[in-house]
Amino acid sequence: MDRRTHPRYRTRFDAFCSSGREEGEGTLHDLSYAGARILDSPICPPEGTKVRLYLFVDPSRPFELTGTVARHVEAGFALSFGDLPSELRSLVDDFAAVVEPLD
């Protein structure tokens, strides 16, 4: 059973993740109002850990988000968000206008 309440959209943005003393680059693989999946990151914080995420959609002004590690996935981890900033909500809306949601 799929528990998702928000559609996910495939992305390919550079991301920087920070969790306590661990830091590393990765790729934002998909995004929704509720969360994101980060792949190819050298860090893999435990479930329940807060992670600060910087998304380089516009390299001169990255988005800064905080999420909680919801689960581990092959080659990365998934984050769960609280409320998204309006700028990022707009980004998800832009994807929805041009990209089919992931299954």
C-alpha atoms as a PDB file:
ATOM      1  CA  MET A   1       0.000   0.000   0.000  1.00  0.00           C
ATOM      2  CA  ASP A   2       1.365   3.430  -0.952  1.00  0.00           C
ATOM      3  CA  ARG A   3       1.160   5.800   2.032  1.00  0.00           C
ATOM      4  CA  ARG A   4       2.143   8.908   0.074  1.00  0.00           C
ATOM      5  CA  THR A   5      -0.251  11.824   0.151  1.00  0.00           C
ATOM      6  CA  HIS A   6       1.746  14.075  -2.210  1.00  0.00           C
ATOM      7  CA  PRO A   7       3.052  13.187  -5.672  1.00  0.00           C
ATOM      8  CA  ARG A   8       6.826  12.964  -6.143  1.00  0.00           C
ATOM      9  CA  TYR A   9       8.710  14.473  -9.067  1.00  0.00           C
ATOM     10  CA  ARG A  10      12.079  13.376 -10.420  1.00  0.00           C
ATOM     11  CA  THR A  11      14.828  15.990 -10.119  1.00  0.00           C
ATOM     12  CA  ARG A  12      18.592  16.140 -10.644  1.00  0.00           C
ATOM     13  CA  PHE A  13      19.869  18.985  -8.473  1.00  0.00           C
ATOM     14  CA  ASP A  14      23.107  19.145  -6.555  1.00  0.00           C
ATOM     15  CA  ALA A  15      22.578  19.086  -2.808  1.00  0.00           C
ATOM     16  CA  PHE A  16      24.746  19.541   0.251  1.00  0.00           C
ATOM     17  CA  CYS A  17      23.717  17.645   3.401  1.00  0.00           C
ATOM     18  CA  SER A  18      24.754  18.390   6.950  1.00  0.00           C
ATOM     19  CA  SER A  19      23.950  16.301  10.009  1.00  0.00           C
ATOM     20  CA  GLY A  20      25.885  17.061  13.169  1.00  0.00           C
ATOM     21  CA  ARG A  21      29.540  16.632  12.256  1.00  0.00           C
ATOM     22  CA  GLU A  22      28.793  14.744   9.055  1.00  0.00           C
ATOM     23  CA  GLU A  23      28.623  16.663   5.782  1.00  0.00           C
ATOM     24  CA  GLY A  24      28.612  15.707   2.156  1.00  0.00           C
ATOM     25  CA  GLU A  25      27.356  16.385  -1.315  1.00  0.00           C
ATOM     26  CA  GLY A  26      24.677  14.375  -3.007  1.00  0.00           C
ATOM     27  CA  THR A  27      21.963  14.530  -5.631  1.00  0.00           C
ATOM     28  CA  LEU A  28      18.347  15.456  -4.999  1.00  0.00           C
ATOM     29  CA  HIS A  29      16.698  12.583  -6.870  1.00  0.00           C
ATOM     30  CA  ASP A  30      13.036  13.346  -6.256  1.00  0.00           C
ATOM     31  CA  LEU A  31      10.972  15.917  -4.410  1.00  0.00           C
ATOM     32  CA  SER A  32       7.434  16.396  -3.101  1.00  0.00           C
ATOM     33  CA  TYR A  33       5.692  18.690  -0.642  1.00  0.00           C
ATOM     34  CA  ALA A  34       6.332  16.081   2.053  1.00  0.00           C
ATOM     35  CA  GLY A  35       9.902  14.981   1.434  1.00  0.00           C
ATOM     36  CA  ALA A  36      12.847  14.236  -0.795  1.00  0.00           C
ATOM     37  CA  ARG A  37      15.228  11.449  -1.707  1.00  0.00           C
ATOM     38  CA  ILE A  38      18.974  12.100  -1.638  1.00  0.00           C
ATOM     39  CA  LEU A  39      21.281   9.772  -3.540  1.00  0.00           C
ATOM     40  CA  ASP A  40      25.042   9.445  -3.958  1.00  0.00           C
ATOM     41  CA  SER A  41      25.801  11.093  -0.614  1.00  0.00           C
ATOM     42  CA  PRO A  42      28.781   9.954   1.453  1.00  0.00           C
ATOM     43  CA  ILE A  43      26.711  10.388   4.627  1.00  0.00           C
ATOM     44  CA  CYS A  44      23.810   8.191   5.692  1.00  0.00           C
ATOM     45  CA  PRO A  45      22.473   9.496   9.024  1.00  0.00           C
ATOM     46  CA  PRO A  46      20.366   7.182  11.191  1.00  0.00           C
ATOM     47  CA  GLU A  47      16.586   7.265  10.847  1.00  0.00           C
ATOM     48  CA  GLY A  48      15.061  10.073  12.910  1.00  0.00           C
ATOM     49  CA  THR A  49      18.135  12.316  12.546  1.00  0.00           C
ATOM     50  CA  LYS A  50      17.640  15.962  11.554  1.00  0.00           C
ATOM     51  CA  VAL A  51      19.454  16.882   8.347  1.00  0.00           C
ATOM     52  CA  ARG A  52      20.039  20.344   6.958  1.00  0.00           C
ATOM     53  CA  LEU A  53      19.798  20.276   3.179  1.00  0.00           C
ATOM     54  CA  TYR A  54      21.014  22.942   0.778  1.00  0.00           C
ATOM     55  CA  LEU A  55      19.600  22.633  -2.747  1.00  0.00           C
ATOM     56  CA  PHE A  56      21.477  24.298  -5.567  1.00  0.00           C
ATOM     57  CA  VAL A  57      18.615  24.950  -7.979  1.00  0.00           C
ATOM     58  CA  ASP A  58      20.022  28.456  -8.425  1.00  0.00           C
ATOM     59  CA  PRO A  59      23.746  28.164  -7.555  1.00  0.00           C
ATOM     60  CA  SER A  60      23.922  31.783  -6.431  1.00  0.00           C
ATOM     61  CA  ARG A  61      21.102  31.307  -3.888  1.00  0.00           C
ATOM     62  CA  PRO A  62      20.597  27.765  -2.558  1.00  0.00           C
ATOM     63  CA  PHE A  63      17.410  26.695  -0.814  1.00  0.00           C
ATOM     64  CA  GLU A  64      17.966  25.702   2.807  1.00  0.00           C
ATOM     65  CA  LEU A  65      15.676  23.029   4.266  1.00  0.00           C
ATOM     66  CA  THR A  66      15.565  20.883   7.342  1.00  0.00           C
ATOM     67  CA  GLY A  67      14.194  17.381   7.227  1.00  0.00           C
ATOM     68  CA  THR A  68      14.200  14.190   9.239  1.00  0.00           C
ATOM     69  CA  VAL A  69      15.637  10.956   7.871  1.00  0.00           C
ATOM     70  CA  ALA A  70      12.559   8.804   7.236  1.00  0.00           C
ATOM     71  CA  ARG A  71      14.292   5.736   5.816  1.00  0.00           C
ATOM     72  CA  HIS A  72      17.377   4.491   4.030  1.00  0.00           C
ATOM     73  CA  VAL A  73      17.221   3.641   0.341  1.00  0.00           C
ATOM     74  CA  GLU A  74      19.754   2.074  -1.980  1.00  0.00           C
ATOM     75  CA  ALA A  75      22.585   4.604  -2.415  1.00  0.00           C
ATOM     76  CA  GLY A  76      21.030   7.206  -0.122  1.00  0.00           C
ATOM     77  CA  PHE A  77      18.233   8.223   2.217  1.00  0.00           C
ATOM     78  CA  ALA A  78      14.776   9.787   2.237  1.00  0.00           C
ATOM     79  CA  LEU A  79      13.864  12.906   4.175  1.00  0.00           C
ATOM     80  CA  SER A  80      10.511  13.931   5.569  1.00  0.00           C
ATOM     81  CA  PHE A  81       9.747  17.665   5.737  1.00  0.00           C
ATOM     82  CA  GLY A  82       7.481  19.727   7.931  1.00  0.00           C
ATOM     83  CA  ASP A  83       6.237  22.879   6.234  1.00  0.00           C
ATOM     84  CA  LEU A  84       8.029  23.797   3.034  1.00  0.00           C
ATOM     85  CA  PRO A  85       8.985  27.399   2.331  1.00  0.00           C
ATOM     86  CA  SER A  86       6.770  28.992  -0.325  1.00  0.00           C
ATOM     87  CA  GLU A  87       9.689  29.188  -2.784  1.00  0.00           C
ATOM     88  CA  LEU A  88      10.172  25.430  -2.651  1.00  0.00           C
ATOM     89  CA  ARG A  89       6.440  24.807  -2.872  1.00  0.00           C
ATOM     90  CA  SER A  90       6.546  26.869  -6.077  1.00  0.00           C
ATOM     91  CA  LEU A  91       9.391  24.696  -7.369  1.00  0.00           C
ATOM     92  CA  VAL A  92       7.335  21.525  -6.759  1.00  0.00           C
ATOM     93  CA  ASP A  93       4.377  23.214  -8.491  1.00  0.00           C
ATOM     94  CA  ASP A  94       6.633  24.007 -11.478  1.00  0.00           C
ATOM     95  CA  PHE A  95       7.603  20.330 -11.734  1.00  0.00           C
ATOM     96  CA  ALA A  96       3.945  19.326 -11.535  1.00  0.00           C
ATOM     97  CA  ALA A  97       3.202  21.522 -14.558  1.00  0.00           C
ATOM     98  CA  VAL A  98       5.775  19.833 -16.820  1.00  0.00           C
ATOM     99  CA  VAL A  99       6.703  16.403 -15.408  1.00  0.00           C
ATOM    100  CA  GLU A 100       4.611  13.307 -14.780  1.00  0.00           C
ATOM    101  CA  PRO A 101       4.683  12.228 -11.119  1.00  0.00           C
ATOM    102  CA  LEU A 102       6.675   9.128 -10.186  1.00  0.00           C
ATOM    103  CA  ASP A 103       4.702   5.987  -9.407  1.00  0.00           C
END
